[in-house]
Amino acid sequence: MINIIDLAGSECVSKTKAEGLVKKEGDNINKSLLFLSNAIRSLGQKEYVNYRDSKLTRILQSSLSGNCKTSVICTVNSLASNSA
């Protein structure tokens, strides 16, 4: 099985000026990224991982739990205005 996930990116409302449905979508993306980072951190610390936090972590459970090979490809913009 192959999982290909496009995590879009961290949506900063102050930069995008998003409203309504677009803002809600950005909020959901950010929550999914937060839960994914929590799962990865828990795995690294050999703690309990709650994969039920989000649909994304449920889908990626088998990929994250060491039952397969996983690759992560990141596209990063190095502009200072994009740093947190």
N, C-alpha and C. Protein backbone atom coordinates (compact mmCIF):
# COMPACT_ATOMS: atom_id res chain seq x y z
N MET A 1 0.84 -1.17 0.00
CA MET A 1 0.00 0.00 0.00
C MET A 1 0.89 1.24 0.00
N ILE A 2 0.48 2.27 -0.73
CA ILE A 2 1.20 3.53 -0.78
C ILE A 2 0.26 4.64 -0.33
N ASN A 3 0.75 5.44 0.62
CA ASN A 3 0.02 6.63 1.05
C ASN A 3 0.78 7.85 0.54
N ILE A 4 0.10 8.68 -0.22
CA ILE A 4 0.68 9.94 -0.67
C ILE A 4 -0.19 11.04 -0.08
N ILE A 5 0.40 11.83 0.80
CA ILE A 5 -0.34 12.86 1.52
C ILE A 5 0.25 14.22 1.20
N ASP A 6 -0.59 15.14 0.75
CA ASP A 6 -0.17 16.51 0.53
C ASP A 6 -0.62 17.30 1.75
N LEU A 7 0.33 17.70 2.58
CA LEU A 7 -0.01 18.40 3.81
C LEU A 7 -0.21 19.89 3.60
N ALA A 8 -0.21 20.32 2.37
CA ALA A 8 -0.44 21.72 2.00
C ALA A 8 0.60 22.60 2.66
N GLY A 9 0.36 23.06 3.84
CA GLY A 9 1.30 23.92 4.54
C GLY A 9 0.62 24.59 5.69
N SER A 10 1.39 25.16 6.52
CA SER A 10 0.84 25.88 7.66
C SER A 10 0.19 27.15 7.14
N GLU A 11 -1.06 27.28 7.39
CA GLU A 11 -1.81 28.43 6.88
C GLU A 11 -1.88 29.50 7.96
N CYS A 12 -1.19 30.59 7.76
CA CYS A 12 -1.17 31.70 8.71
C CYS A 12 -2.25 32.70 8.30
N VAL A 13 -3.31 32.78 9.08
CA VAL A 13 -4.45 33.62 8.74
C VAL A 13 -4.04 35.09 8.62
N SER A 14 -3.11 35.54 9.45
CA SER A 14 -2.71 36.94 9.39
C SER A 14 -2.04 37.28 8.05
N LYS A 15 -1.41 36.29 7.42
CA LYS A 15 -0.77 36.53 6.12
C LYS A 15 -1.75 36.35 4.96
N THR A 16 -2.62 35.34 5.06
CA THR A 16 -3.51 35.03 3.94
C THR A 16 -4.78 35.86 3.96
N LYS A 17 -5.11 36.42 5.13
CA LYS A 17 -6.37 37.19 5.30
C LYS A 17 -7.58 36.34 4.94
N ALA A 18 -7.47 35.05 5.18
CA ALA A 18 -8.54 34.11 4.84
C ALA A 18 -9.76 34.35 5.73
N GLU A 19 -10.93 34.11 5.14
CA GLU A 19 -12.19 34.23 5.86
C GLU A 19 -13.10 33.09 5.48
N GLY A 20 -14.08 32.83 6.31
CA GLY A 20 -15.12 31.86 6.01
C GLY A 20 -14.60 30.45 5.82
N LEU A 21 -15.01 29.83 4.72
CA LEU A 21 -14.67 28.44 4.43
C LEU A 21 -13.16 28.24 4.26
N VAL A 22 -12.48 29.19 3.64
CA VAL A 22 -11.04 29.07 3.43
C VAL A 22 -10.31 29.11 4.77
N LYS A 23 -10.76 29.95 5.68
CA LYS A 23 -10.16 30.02 7.02
C LYS A 23 -10.38 28.71 7.77
N LYS A 24 -11.58 28.18 7.66
CA LYS A 24 -11.90 26.91 8.33
C LYS A 24 -11.00 25.79 7.78
N GLU A 25 -10.79 25.75 6.47
CA GLU A 25 -9.91 24.75 5.86
C GLU A 25 -8.48 24.91 6.38
N GLY A 26 -8.00 26.14 6.47
CA GLY A 26 -6.66 26.41 7.00
C GLY A 26 -6.54 25.97 8.45
N ASP A 27 -7.58 26.21 9.23
CA ASP A 27 -7.59 25.77 10.63
C ASP A 27 -7.48 24.25 10.72
N ASN A 28 -8.21 23.55 9.86
CA ASN A 28 -8.17 22.08 9.85
C ASN A 28 -6.80 21.56 9.43
N ILE A 29 -6.18 22.22 8.47
CA ILE A 29 -4.82 21.83 8.05
C ILE A 29 -3.86 21.98 9.22
N ASN A 30 -3.94 23.11 9.91
CA ASN A 30 -3.05 23.35 11.04
C ASN A 30 -3.26 22.34 12.16
N LYS A 31 -4.52 21.98 12.43
CA LYS A 31 -4.80 20.97 13.47
C LYS A 31 -4.20 19.63 13.07
N SER A 32 -4.38 19.25 11.81
CA SER A 32 -3.83 17.97 11.35
C SER A 32 -2.31 17.95 11.46
N LEU A 33 -1.66 19.06 11.10
CA LEU A 33 -0.21 19.14 11.22
C LEU A 33 0.24 19.07 12.67
N LEU A 34 -0.53 19.69 13.57
CA LEU A 34 -0.21 19.64 14.99
C LEU A 34 -0.31 18.21 15.51
N PHE A 35 -1.40 17.51 15.17
CA PHE A 35 -1.57 16.13 15.63
C PHE A 35 -0.52 15.21 15.05
N LEU A 36 -0.14 15.45 13.79
CA LEU A 36 0.92 14.65 13.17
C LEU A 36 2.25 14.89 13.88
N SER A 37 2.57 16.14 14.18
CA SER A 37 3.83 16.42 14.88
C SER A 37 3.81 15.83 16.29
N ASN A 38 2.65 15.85 16.95
CA ASN A 38 2.54 15.22 18.28
C ASN A 38 2.80 13.72 18.19
N ALA A 39 2.25 13.08 17.16
CA ALA A 39 2.43 11.63 16.99
C ALA A 39 3.90 11.31 16.73
N ILE A 40 4.55 12.08 15.87
CA ILE A 40 5.96 11.84 15.56
C ILE A 40 6.82 12.07 16.79
N ARG A 41 6.53 13.12 17.56
CA ARG A 41 7.28 13.37 18.80
C ARG A 41 7.11 12.22 19.78
N SER A 42 5.89 11.74 19.96
CA SER A 42 5.63 10.61 20.87
C SER A 42 6.37 9.36 20.42
N LEU A 43 6.41 9.13 19.12
CA LEU A 43 7.15 7.97 18.60
C LEU A 43 8.63 8.10 18.92
N GLY A 44 9.18 9.30 18.75
CA GLY A 44 10.59 9.53 19.01
C GLY A 44 10.95 9.36 20.48
N GLN A 45 10.00 9.65 21.35
CA GLN A 45 10.24 9.53 22.79
C GLN A 45 9.75 8.19 23.34
N LYS A 46 9.33 7.31 22.43
CA LYS A 46 8.83 5.98 22.77
C LYS A 46 7.70 6.05 23.80
N GLU A 47 6.79 7.00 23.58
CA GLU A 47 5.61 7.17 24.41
C GLU A 47 4.40 6.62 23.68
N TYR A 48 3.27 6.59 24.40
CA TYR A 48 2.00 6.19 23.78
C TYR A 48 1.64 7.20 22.69
N VAL A 49 1.23 6.70 21.54
CA VAL A 49 0.83 7.56 20.42
C VAL A 49 -0.67 7.43 20.23
N ASN A 50 -1.37 8.54 20.31
CA ASN A 50 -2.82 8.54 20.10
C ASN A 50 -3.09 8.84 18.63
N TYR A 51 -3.21 7.80 17.84
CA TYR A 51 -3.47 7.95 16.41
C TYR A 51 -4.89 8.41 16.14
N ARG A 52 -5.76 8.37 17.15
CA ARG A 52 -7.16 8.72 16.95
C ARG A 52 -7.40 10.22 17.04
N ASP A 53 -6.33 11.01 17.23
CA ASP A 53 -6.48 12.46 17.33
C ASP A 53 -7.05 13.07 16.05
N SER A 54 -6.66 12.53 14.90
CA SER A 54 -7.14 13.10 13.64
C SER A 54 -7.23 12.02 12.57
N LYS A 55 -7.96 12.33 11.51
CA LYS A 55 -8.06 11.40 10.39
C LYS A 55 -6.70 11.16 9.75
N LEU A 56 -5.89 12.21 9.69
CA LEU A 56 -4.56 12.09 9.09
C LEU A 56 -3.70 11.09 9.83
N THR A 57 -3.65 11.16 11.16
CA THR A 57 -2.82 10.23 11.91
C THR A 57 -3.39 8.82 11.86
N ARG A 58 -4.71 8.69 11.75
CA ARG A 58 -5.30 7.35 11.58
C ARG A 58 -4.89 6.74 10.25
N ILE A 59 -4.94 7.55 9.20
CA ILE A 59 -4.57 7.06 7.87
C ILE A 59 -3.10 6.66 7.84
N LEU A 60 -2.25 7.44 8.51
CA LEU A 60 -0.81 7.22 8.47
C LEU A 60 -0.30 6.29 9.58
N GLN A 61 -1.19 5.72 10.37
CA GLN A 61 -0.76 4.89 11.50
C GLN A 61 0.19 3.78 11.08
N SER A 62 -0.14 3.05 10.04
CA SER A 62 0.73 1.95 9.63
C SER A 62 2.07 2.48 9.10
N SER A 63 2.06 3.64 8.47
CA SER A 63 3.29 4.22 7.96
C SER A 63 4.18 4.73 9.09
N LEU A 64 3.58 5.24 10.14
CA LEU A 64 4.34 5.83 11.24
C LEU A 64 4.79 4.81 12.28
N SER A 65 4.10 3.69 12.37
CA SER A 65 4.36 2.75 13.45
C SER A 65 5.49 1.77 13.16
N GLY A 66 6.21 1.96 12.06
CA GLY A 66 7.37 1.14 11.78
C GLY A 66 7.08 -0.12 10.97
N ASN A 67 5.89 -0.22 10.43
CA ASN A 67 5.51 -1.39 9.65
C ASN A 67 5.82 -1.24 8.18
N CYS A 68 6.48 -0.14 7.80
CA CYS A 68 6.79 0.08 6.38
C CYS A 68 7.91 1.11 6.27
N LYS A 69 8.32 1.38 5.05
CA LYS A 69 9.31 2.42 4.79
C LYS A 69 8.57 3.72 4.53
N THR A 70 9.07 4.80 5.11
CA THR A 70 8.40 6.09 4.99
C THR A 70 9.39 7.13 4.50
N SER A 71 8.96 7.94 3.56
CA SER A 71 9.76 9.07 3.08
C SER A 71 8.94 10.34 3.27
N VAL A 72 9.63 11.40 3.64
CA VAL A 72 9.00 12.70 3.79
C VAL A 72 9.73 13.67 2.87
N ILE A 73 8.97 14.36 2.05
CA ILE A 73 9.53 15.36 1.14
C ILE A 73 8.97 16.71 1.57
N CYS A 74 9.88 17.63 1.87
CA CYS A 74 9.47 18.95 2.33
C CYS A 74 9.92 20.02 1.34
N THR A 75 9.04 20.94 1.07
CA THR A 75 9.39 22.12 0.30
C THR A 75 9.34 23.28 1.27
N VAL A 76 10.48 23.95 1.44
CA VAL A 76 10.59 25.00 2.45
C VAL A 76 10.99 26.30 1.78
N ASN A 77 10.28 27.36 2.12
CA ASN A 77 10.61 28.67 1.63
C ASN A 77 11.48 29.36 2.68
N SER A 78 12.64 29.82 2.29
CA SER A 78 13.61 30.36 3.26
C SER A 78 13.46 31.85 3.52
N LEU A 79 12.44 32.48 2.99
CA LEU A 79 12.25 33.90 3.25
C LEU A 79 12.02 34.16 4.73
N ALA A 80 12.62 35.19 5.26
CA ALA A 80 12.47 35.53 6.67
C ALA A 80 11.01 35.77 7.03
N SER A 81 10.23 36.28 6.10
CA SER A 81 8.82 36.56 6.37
C SER A 81 8.00 35.29 6.59
N ASN A 82 8.55 34.13 6.23
CA ASN A 82 7.85 32.86 6.41
C ASN A 82 8.26 32.13 7.68
N SER A 83 9.20 32.67 8.43
CA SER A 83 9.61 32.01 9.66
C SER A 83 8.65 32.37 10.78
N ALA A 84 8.53 31.45 11.72
CA ALA A 84 7.57 31.68 12.82
C ALA A 84 8.17 32.53 13.89
